[in-house]
Amino acid sequence: MNIQNSGLKGYYKSMNTKDKKWKCPKCGREFSRQGQDHYCVKPQTIDEYIALQDEKVRPRLNRIRTILRNAIPDAEERISWSMPTYWKGRNIIHFAAFKKHIGLYPGDEAVAAFSDQLKGFVVSKGTIRLPYTQELPEALIGKIARWCYSKYSK
């Protein structure tokens, strides 16, 4: 093919390394960031989700799971948005593992309602970051989960 006459000359000329996508060697998916963290196979259960995480993080994830199970025993466990989720007619609360923290996702109303007790944690709209370097605020996690359940369950 003659690029000169094909209309592709501008395309190839404008293409640089930042336009190239990174392709996962395991699953073949393409991402804009080199080494993008993702699941080659999406977990279907919370057990699968935890098993796919770094070995050092698993005990902490299991502890959060136990806290949530005890706090809201009538909620159903499921995977939603690729995260462990507790559901009762709708999503109640999620959690997920990241490189430096576990994200707890109770929603923006819960974060606002517990803002005084969340001092010392990085929070943003609907998100609480629980760094691996800090103790888990177990009682607070349970309290937030019960609040979410009473507010959001159907």
Protein backbone atom coordinates (compact mmCIF):
# COMPACT_ATOMS: atom_id res chain seq x y z
CA MET A 1 0.00 0.00 0.00
CA ASN A 2 1.29 3.43 -0.85
CA ILE A 3 0.81 5.49 2.32
CA GLN A 4 1.45 8.67 0.31
CA ASN A 5 -1.76 8.19 -1.71
CA SER A 6 -3.89 6.33 0.85
CA GLY A 7 -4.89 9.19 3.09
CA LEU A 8 -3.14 7.48 6.04
CA LYS A 9 -0.02 9.64 5.92
CA GLY A 10 -1.37 12.13 8.47
CA TYR A 11 -2.54 9.31 10.73
CA TYR A 12 0.85 7.62 10.87
CA LYS A 13 2.65 10.94 11.18
CA SER A 14 0.51 12.05 14.14
CA MET A 15 0.74 8.70 15.91
CA ASN A 16 3.25 8.88 18.76
CA THR A 17 4.01 6.70 21.78
CA LYS A 18 1.40 8.36 23.93
CA ASP A 19 -1.29 7.40 21.38
CA LYS A 20 -0.29 3.73 21.48
CA LYS A 21 -2.26 1.43 23.69
CA TRP A 22 -0.80 -1.17 26.02
CA LYS A 23 -2.06 -4.68 25.39
CA CYS A 24 -2.23 -7.13 28.28
CA PRO A 25 -0.19 -10.22 27.35
CA LYS A 26 -2.58 -12.48 29.31
CA CYS A 27 -6.03 -11.41 28.12
CA GLY A 28 -5.33 -9.19 25.11
CA ARG A 29 -7.31 -6.20 26.37
CA GLU A 30 -5.93 -2.78 25.42
CA PHE A 31 -5.43 0.14 27.79
CA SER A 32 -4.12 3.68 27.49
CA ARG A 33 -1.72 3.25 30.42
CA GLN A 34 1.25 0.89 30.36
CA GLY A 35 0.72 -1.94 32.86
CA GLN A 36 -2.88 -0.89 33.65
CA ASP A 37 -4.22 -2.80 36.65
CA HIS A 38 -7.23 -4.89 35.65
CA TYR A 39 -8.80 -8.31 35.89
CA CYS A 40 -8.11 -10.59 32.95
CA VAL A 41 -11.00 -12.68 34.18
CA LYS A 42 -13.60 -10.81 36.20
CA PRO A 43 -14.33 -12.43 39.56
CA GLN A 44 -17.86 -13.76 39.96
CA THR A 45 -17.85 -14.10 43.75
CA ILE A 46 -16.26 -12.33 46.69
CA ASP A 47 -14.18 -15.46 47.34
CA GLU A 48 -12.78 -15.23 43.80
CA TYR A 49 -12.16 -11.49 44.18
CA ILE A 50 -10.16 -11.96 47.38
CA ALA A 51 -8.22 -14.92 45.93
CA LEU A 52 -7.11 -12.71 43.01
CA GLN A 53 -5.58 -10.10 45.35
CA ASP A 54 -2.04 -9.92 46.68
CA GLU A 55 -1.42 -12.46 49.42
CA LYS A 56 -0.54 -9.71 51.93
CA VAL A 57 -3.88 -7.95 51.38
CA ARG A 58 -6.17 -10.98 51.64
CA PRO A 59 -6.39 -11.12 55.46
CA ARG A 60 -7.43 -7.47 55.57
CA LEU A 61 -10.06 -8.00 52.86
CA ASN A 62 -11.38 -11.04 54.71
CA ARG A 63 -11.57 -8.98 57.91
CA ILE A 64 -13.61 -6.26 56.17
CA ARG A 65 -15.85 -8.96 54.73
CA THR A 66 -16.42 -10.42 58.20
CA ILE A 67 -17.18 -6.98 59.65
CA LEU A 68 -19.73 -6.29 56.90
CA ARG A 69 -21.30 -9.75 57.19
CA ASN A 70 -21.74 -9.30 60.94
CA ALA A 71 -23.04 -5.74 60.62
CA ILE A 72 -25.56 -6.44 57.85
CA PRO A 73 -26.26 -10.20 57.86
CA ASP A 74 -29.41 -9.90 55.73
CA ALA A 75 -27.55 -8.27 52.84
CA GLU A 76 -26.61 -10.44 49.88
CA GLU A 77 -22.96 -10.70 48.85
CA ARG A 78 -22.29 -10.16 45.17
CA ILE A 79 -19.85 -8.59 42.74
CA SER A 80 -20.95 -5.27 41.29
CA TRP A 81 -18.72 -2.86 39.38
CA SER A 82 -16.03 -5.58 39.76
CA MET A 83 -16.04 -5.03 43.54
CA PRO A 84 -17.32 -6.99 46.52
CA THR A 85 -20.75 -5.56 47.23
CA TYR A 86 -23.46 -5.95 49.83
CA TRP A 87 -26.92 -5.72 48.31
CA LYS A 88 -30.50 -5.62 49.57
CA GLY A 89 -32.78 -4.45 46.78
CA ARG A 90 -29.93 -2.20 45.66
CA ASN A 91 -26.21 -1.74 46.33
CA ILE A 92 -25.59 -0.93 49.99
CA ILE A 93 -21.79 -0.78 50.33
CA HIS A 94 -18.73 -1.88 48.31
CA PHE A 95 -15.04 -2.39 49.03
CA ALA A 96 -12.01 -2.90 46.81
CA ALA A 97 -8.27 -3.44 47.10
CA PHE A 98 -5.76 -1.00 45.63
CA LYS A 99 -2.00 -0.63 45.73
CA LYS A 100 -1.80 1.41 48.96
CA HIS A 101 -5.28 1.16 50.46
CA ILE A 102 -8.65 -0.50 50.53
CA GLY A 103 -11.46 1.66 49.24
CA LEU A 104 -14.73 1.49 51.15
CA TYR A 105 -17.67 2.85 49.16
CA PRO A 106 -20.68 3.63 51.35
CA GLY A 107 -21.87 6.57 49.22
CA ASP A 108 -21.59 10.33 49.66
CA GLU A 109 -24.40 10.61 52.24
CA ALA A 110 -22.64 8.15 54.56
CA VAL A 111 -19.30 9.91 54.19
CA ALA A 112 -20.99 13.20 55.11
CA ALA A 113 -22.91 11.63 58.03
CA PHE A 114 -19.70 10.16 59.53
CA SER A 115 -17.34 13.00 58.60
CA ASP A 116 -16.40 13.75 62.23
CA GLN A 117 -15.41 10.12 62.82
CA LEU A 118 -13.51 9.90 59.52
CA LYS A 119 -10.91 12.52 60.39
CA GLY A 120 -7.51 11.02 59.72
CA PHE A 121 -8.72 9.16 56.63
CA VAL A 122 -8.66 10.36 53.06
CA VAL A 123 -12.26 10.70 51.96
CA SER A 124 -13.88 11.96 48.81
CA LYS A 125 -17.41 11.85 47.47
CA GLY A 126 -18.71 8.45 48.54
CA THR A 127 -15.25 7.00 49.22
CA ILE A 128 -13.20 6.22 52.31
CA ARG A 129 -9.59 5.14 51.84
CA LEU A 130 -8.32 2.70 54.44
CA PRO A 131 -4.51 2.68 54.11
CA TYR A 132 -2.67 -0.58 54.69
CA THR A 133 -0.41 1.32 57.10
CA GLN A 134 -3.27 2.04 59.56
CA GLU A 135 -5.36 -0.18 61.80
CA LEU A 136 -8.78 -0.95 60.40
CA PRO A 137 -11.47 1.09 62.17
CA GLU A 138 -13.56 -2.05 62.65
CA ALA A 139 -16.29 -0.57 64.85
CA LEU A 140 -16.66 2.42 62.51
CA ILE A 141 -16.89 0.20 59.41
CA GLY A 142 -19.67 -1.79 61.07
CA LYS A 143 -21.47 1.38 62.14
CA ILE A 144 -21.28 2.83 58.62
CA ALA A 145 -22.51 -0.45 57.10
CA ARG A 146 -25.52 -0.56 59.44
CA TRP A 147 -26.31 3.09 58.64
CA CYS A 148 -26.14 2.37 54.90
CA TYR A 149 -28.33 -0.69 55.29
CA SER A 150 -31.02 1.23 57.17
CA LYS A 151 -30.84 4.08 54.64
CA TYR A 152 -30.58 2.20 51.34
CA SER A 153 -32.00 -1.32 51.66
CA LYS A 154 -35.34 -2.10 50.05
